[in-house]
Amino acid sequence: MWLGAKLISGASGIIFPIIRAEGVRQMFFPVTVPAYYRAPPVKGETKCS
């Protein structure tokens, strides 16, 4: 039990600052972020309908 708590504590010390820096909305709901905040499409990539 103690080992699991230490593991989760260490992992949260790594992942939470990354999520905070990137933004929660952009990290988990990227479609809701306006297009000018997203990366441009890769050249040569085509969408198939």
Protein backbone atom coordinates (compact mmCIF):
# COMPACT_ATOMS: atom_id res chain seq x y z
CA MET A 1 0.00 0.00 0.00
CA TRP A 2 2.80 2.41 0.95
CA LEU A 3 4.76 1.63 -2.21
CA GLY A 4 1.70 2.37 -4.37
CA ALA A 5 1.16 5.72 -2.63
CA LYS A 6 4.82 6.68 -3.18
CA LEU A 7 4.56 5.70 -6.84
CA ILE A 8 1.44 7.79 -7.43
CA SER A 9 2.97 10.70 -5.52
CA GLY A 10 6.10 10.62 -7.68
CA ALA A 11 4.13 10.31 -10.90
CA SER A 12 1.85 13.22 -10.00
CA GLY A 13 4.92 15.35 -9.31
CA ILE A 14 5.90 14.82 -12.94
CA ILE A 15 2.58 14.88 -14.80
CA PHE A 16 0.73 17.72 -13.02
CA PRO A 17 3.29 20.43 -13.88
CA ILE A 18 3.18 19.30 -17.52
CA ILE A 19 -0.62 19.48 -17.58
CA ARG A 20 -0.54 22.89 -15.88
CA ALA A 21 1.99 24.23 -18.42
CA GLU A 22 0.11 22.92 -21.46
CA GLY A 23 -3.35 23.81 -20.16
CA VAL A 24 -5.99 21.38 -18.96
CA ARG A 25 -8.41 22.24 -21.75
CA GLN A 26 -5.82 21.84 -24.50
CA MET A 27 -4.48 18.60 -22.99
CA PHE A 28 -7.81 16.78 -22.55
CA PHE A 29 -10.17 18.60 -24.96
CA PRO A 30 -8.03 19.71 -27.94
CA VAL A 31 -10.98 20.13 -30.29
CA THR A 32 -12.39 22.96 -28.14
CA VAL A 33 -9.19 25.04 -28.49
CA PRO A 34 -9.24 27.63 -31.30
CA ALA A 35 -7.24 26.73 -34.41
CA TYR A 36 -4.60 29.44 -33.90
CA TYR A 37 -3.41 27.64 -30.75
CA ARG A 38 -2.99 24.31 -32.55
CA ALA A 39 -0.05 23.15 -34.65
CA PRO A 40 -0.42 23.56 -38.42
CA PRO A 41 -1.14 20.43 -40.47
CA VAL A 42 1.83 18.47 -41.74
CA LYS A 43 2.59 19.22 -45.41
CA GLY A 44 1.54 16.39 -47.68
CA GLU A 45 -1.00 15.03 -45.21
CA THR A 46 -4.46 14.57 -46.69
CA LYS A 47 -7.77 13.92 -45.02
CA CYS A 48 -9.86 11.04 -46.25
CA SER A 49 -13.62 11.54 -46.17
